């Protein structure tokens, strides 16, 4: 699927999370601390190199005060 010319969904989800973090002025380091993960773990996921797992997305949504669905890009539903 990665060969289709589109970036994998993990990049778009990471972008949504970075946008929420920016709006709320929360650093990646603070997020890592809040979800009990290392800064490196969170960094690799925020830059799209590795996917967030669903449990992490749930924790991140709680920290940001949003739903897990809010962390999904609007275009995710149309990427078929």
N, C-alpha and C. Protein backbone atom coordinates (compact mmCIF):
# COMPACT_ATOMS: atom_id res chain seq x y z
N UNK A 1 0.82 -1.19 0.00
CA UNK A 1 0.00 0.00 0.00
C UNK A 1 0.86 1.26 0.00
N UNK A 2 2.04 1.23 0.65
CA UNK A 2 2.90 2.42 0.69
C UNK A 2 3.39 2.79 -0.70
N UNK A 3 3.35 1.88 -1.65
CA UNK A 3 3.83 2.16 -2.99
C UNK A 3 2.79 2.87 -3.85
N UNK A 4 1.62 3.19 -3.29
CA UNK A 4 0.55 3.80 -4.07
C UNK A 4 0.79 5.29 -4.31
N UNK A 5 1.87 5.85 -3.80
CA UNK A 5 2.15 7.26 -4.00
C UNK A 5 1.63 8.14 -2.88
N UNK A 6 0.81 7.60 -2.02
CA UNK A 6 0.29 8.35 -0.87
C UNK A 6 1.11 8.03 0.36
N UNK A 7 1.21 8.99 1.24
CA UNK A 7 1.88 8.74 2.51
C UNK A 7 1.00 7.84 3.35
N UNK A 8 1.61 6.95 4.13
CA UNK A 8 0.82 6.09 5.01
C UNK A 8 0.04 6.92 6.04
N UNK A 9 -1.03 6.36 6.51
CA UNK A 9 -1.91 7.04 7.46
C UNK A 9 -1.15 7.51 8.70
N UNK A 10 -0.11 6.77 9.12
CA UNK A 10 0.62 7.16 10.33
C UNK A 10 1.19 8.57 10.23
N UNK A 11 1.59 9.01 9.04
CA UNK A 11 2.11 10.37 8.86
C UNK A 11 1.01 11.41 9.08
N UNK A 12 -0.17 11.11 8.60
CA UNK A 12 -1.28 12.05 8.74
C UNK A 12 -1.76 12.13 10.18
N UNK A 13 -1.81 10.98 10.86
CA UNK A 13 -2.20 10.96 12.27
C UNK A 13 -1.16 11.73 13.09
N UNK A 14 0.10 11.50 12.81
CA UNK A 14 1.16 12.23 13.52
C UNK A 14 1.01 13.74 13.31
N UNK A 15 0.67 14.14 12.10
CA UNK A 15 0.46 15.56 11.82
C UNK A 15 -0.70 16.14 12.61
N UNK A 16 -1.77 15.39 12.72
CA UNK A 16 -2.92 15.84 13.51
C UNK A 16 -2.54 15.99 14.98
N UNK A 17 -1.81 15.03 15.49
CA UNK A 17 -1.39 15.11 16.89
C UNK A 17 -0.46 16.29 17.10
N UNK A 18 0.49 16.49 16.18
CA UNK A 18 1.39 17.65 16.29
C UNK A 18 0.61 18.96 16.27
N UNK A 19 -0.42 19.03 15.44
CA UNK A 19 -1.24 20.24 15.36
C UNK A 19 -1.96 20.50 16.69
N UNK A 20 -2.52 19.46 17.27
CA UNK A 20 -3.19 19.60 18.58
C UNK A 20 -2.19 20.03 19.64
N UNK A 21 -1.01 19.40 19.63
CA UNK A 21 0.02 19.77 20.60
C UNK A 21 0.40 21.24 20.45
N UNK A 22 0.57 21.68 19.21
CA UNK A 22 0.93 23.07 18.96
C UNK A 22 -0.12 24.04 19.44
N UNK A 23 -1.38 23.73 19.14
CA UNK A 23 -2.47 24.62 19.57
C UNK A 23 -2.55 24.72 21.09
N UNK A 24 -2.21 23.63 21.76
CA UNK A 24 -2.30 23.63 23.22
C UNK A 24 -0.95 23.91 23.89
N UNK A 25 0.05 24.19 23.08
CA UNK A 25 1.39 24.50 23.56
C UNK A 25 1.93 23.41 24.50
N UNK A 26 1.80 22.17 24.03
CA UNK A 26 2.32 21.02 24.76
C UNK A 26 3.48 20.45 23.95
N UNK A 27 4.60 20.26 24.58
CA UNK A 27 5.77 19.71 23.89
C UNK A 27 5.67 18.19 23.78
N UNK A 28 6.47 17.65 22.89
CA UNK A 28 6.55 16.20 22.77
C UNK A 28 7.05 15.57 24.06
N UNK A 29 7.97 16.26 24.73
CA UNK A 29 8.49 15.76 26.01
C UNK A 29 7.39 15.70 27.07
N UNK A 30 6.56 16.72 27.11
CA UNK A 30 5.44 16.73 28.07
C UNK A 30 4.44 15.63 27.75
N UNK A 31 4.18 15.44 26.44
CA UNK A 31 3.28 14.38 26.04
C UNK A 31 3.84 13.02 26.46
N UNK A 32 5.12 12.81 26.22
CA UNK A 32 5.76 11.55 26.60
C UNK A 32 5.59 11.28 28.09
N UNK A 33 5.82 12.30 28.87
CA UNK A 33 5.67 12.16 30.32
C UNK A 33 4.22 11.84 30.69
N UNK A 34 3.28 12.50 30.05
CA UNK A 34 1.87 12.33 30.37
C UNK A 34 1.34 10.94 30.01
N UNK A 35 1.92 10.32 28.98
CA UNK A 35 1.45 8.99 28.58
C UNK A 35 2.40 7.89 29.03
N UNK A 36 3.37 8.27 29.87
CA UNK A 36 4.31 7.32 30.46
C UNK A 36 5.12 6.56 29.41
N UNK A 37 5.65 7.32 28.44
CA UNK A 37 6.52 6.77 27.40
C UNK A 37 7.78 7.61 27.35
N UNK A 38 8.81 7.08 26.72
CA UNK A 38 10.05 7.85 26.59
C UNK A 38 9.89 8.92 25.52
N UNK A 39 10.73 9.94 25.61
CA UNK A 39 10.72 11.00 24.60
C UNK A 39 11.05 10.43 23.22
N UNK A 40 11.99 9.49 23.14
CA UNK A 40 12.36 8.89 21.86
C UNK A 40 11.17 8.13 21.26
N UNK A 41 10.46 7.41 22.11
CA UNK A 41 9.28 6.66 21.65
C UNK A 41 8.27 7.61 21.00
N UNK A 42 7.98 8.69 21.69
CA UNK A 42 7.00 9.65 21.18
C UNK A 42 7.55 10.37 19.95
N UNK A 43 8.81 10.74 19.96
CA UNK A 43 9.41 11.43 18.82
C UNK A 43 9.31 10.61 17.54
N UNK A 44 9.63 9.33 17.62
CA UNK A 44 9.57 8.46 16.43
C UNK A 44 8.15 8.40 15.88
N UNK A 45 7.17 8.51 16.73
CA UNK A 45 5.79 8.45 16.29
C UNK A 45 5.29 9.81 15.80
N UNK A 46 5.73 10.87 16.44
CA UNK A 46 5.31 12.20 15.99
C UNK A 46 5.89 12.57 14.63
N UNK A 47 7.01 11.95 14.26
CA UNK A 47 7.56 12.25 12.93
C UNK A 47 7.13 11.23 11.89
N UNK A 48 6.29 10.27 12.30
CA UNK A 48 5.70 9.33 11.34
C UNK A 48 6.54 8.11 11.02
N UNK A 49 7.70 7.98 11.65
CA UNK A 49 8.54 6.81 11.36
C UNK A 49 7.90 5.51 11.87
N UNK A 50 7.14 5.62 12.95
CA UNK A 50 6.49 4.47 13.57
C UNK A 50 5.06 4.87 13.89
N UNK A 51 4.15 3.91 13.80
CA UNK A 51 2.74 4.18 14.09
C UNK A 51 2.49 4.21 15.59
N UNK A 52 1.56 5.06 16.01
CA UNK A 52 1.04 5.01 17.37
C UNK A 52 0.15 3.79 17.47
N UNK A 53 0.14 3.15 18.64
CA UNK A 53 -0.83 2.07 18.81
C UNK A 53 -2.12 2.65 19.37
N UNK A 54 -3.17 1.88 19.32
CA UNK A 54 -4.49 2.39 19.71
C UNK A 54 -4.55 2.80 21.18
N UNK A 55 -3.86 2.07 22.04
CA UNK A 55 -3.86 2.45 23.45
C UNK A 55 -3.19 3.80 23.66
N UNK A 56 -2.10 4.04 22.92
CA UNK A 56 -1.44 5.35 23.00
C UNK A 56 -2.34 6.45 22.47
N UNK A 57 -3.04 6.20 21.38
CA UNK A 57 -3.95 7.21 20.84
C UNK A 57 -5.03 7.56 21.86
N UNK A 58 -5.52 6.57 22.58
CA UNK A 58 -6.52 6.82 23.60
C UNK A 58 -5.95 7.70 24.71
N UNK A 59 -4.73 7.41 25.15
CA UNK A 59 -4.08 8.22 26.19
C UNK A 59 -3.82 9.64 25.69
N UNK A 60 -3.36 9.76 24.46
CA UNK A 60 -3.07 11.08 23.90
C UNK A 60 -4.36 11.90 23.79
N UNK A 61 -5.43 11.27 23.35
CA UNK A 61 -6.71 11.97 23.26
C UNK A 61 -7.14 12.48 24.63
N UNK A 62 -6.95 11.65 25.67
CA UNK A 62 -7.29 12.08 27.03
C UNK A 62 -6.46 13.28 27.45
N UNK A 63 -5.16 13.23 27.18
CA UNK A 63 -4.27 14.34 27.54
C UNK A 63 -4.70 15.63 26.84
N UNK A 64 -5.07 15.51 25.57
CA UNK A 64 -5.43 16.68 24.76
C UNK A 64 -6.88 17.12 24.95
N UNK A 65 -7.68 16.30 25.62
CA UNK A 65 -9.09 16.64 25.83
C UNK A 65 -9.92 16.52 24.55
N UNK A 66 -9.55 15.56 23.71
CA UNK A 66 -10.27 15.34 22.45
C UNK A 66 -10.63 13.86 22.35
N UNK A 67 -11.33 13.48 21.30
CA UNK A 67 -11.63 12.08 21.07
C UNK A 67 -10.54 11.48 20.18
N UNK A 68 -10.46 10.17 20.15
CA UNK A 68 -9.51 9.51 19.26
C UNK A 68 -9.83 9.88 17.82
N UNK A 69 -11.11 9.99 17.50
CA UNK A 69 -11.51 10.38 16.13
C UNK A 69 -10.96 11.75 15.76
N UNK A 70 -10.83 12.64 16.73
CA UNK A 70 -10.27 13.97 16.47
C UNK A 70 -8.81 13.90 16.06
N UNK A 71 -8.14 12.80 16.35
CA UNK A 71 -6.73 12.64 16.00
C UNK A 71 -6.56 12.08 14.59
N UNK A 72 -7.66 11.71 13.96
CA UNK A 72 -7.62 11.18 12.60
C UNK A 72 -7.78 12.33 11.60
N UNK A 73 -7.00 12.29 10.54
CA UNK A 73 -7.15 13.36 9.54
C UNK A 73 -8.50 13.25 8.86
N UNK A 74 -9.04 14.37 8.47
CA UNK A 74 -10.33 14.41 7.79
C UNK A 74 -10.28 13.57 6.52
N UNK A 75 -9.16 13.54 5.86
CA UNK A 75 -9.04 12.81 4.60
C UNK A 75 -8.93 11.30 4.79
N UNK A 76 -8.78 10.82 6.03
CA UNK A 76 -8.61 9.39 6.26
C UNK A 76 -9.80 8.59 5.73
N UNK A 77 -10.99 9.13 5.85
CA UNK A 77 -12.18 8.44 5.40
C UNK A 77 -12.26 8.37 3.87
N UNK A 78 -11.57 9.28 3.21
CA UNK A 78 -11.63 9.32 1.74
C UNK A 78 -10.44 8.68 1.07
N UNK A 79 -9.49 8.14 1.85
CA UNK A 79 -8.29 7.54 1.29
C UNK A 79 -8.51 6.07 0.96
N UNK A 80 -9.38 5.78 0.05
CA UNK A 80 -9.64 4.38 -0.34
C UNK A 80 -9.25 4.12 -1.74
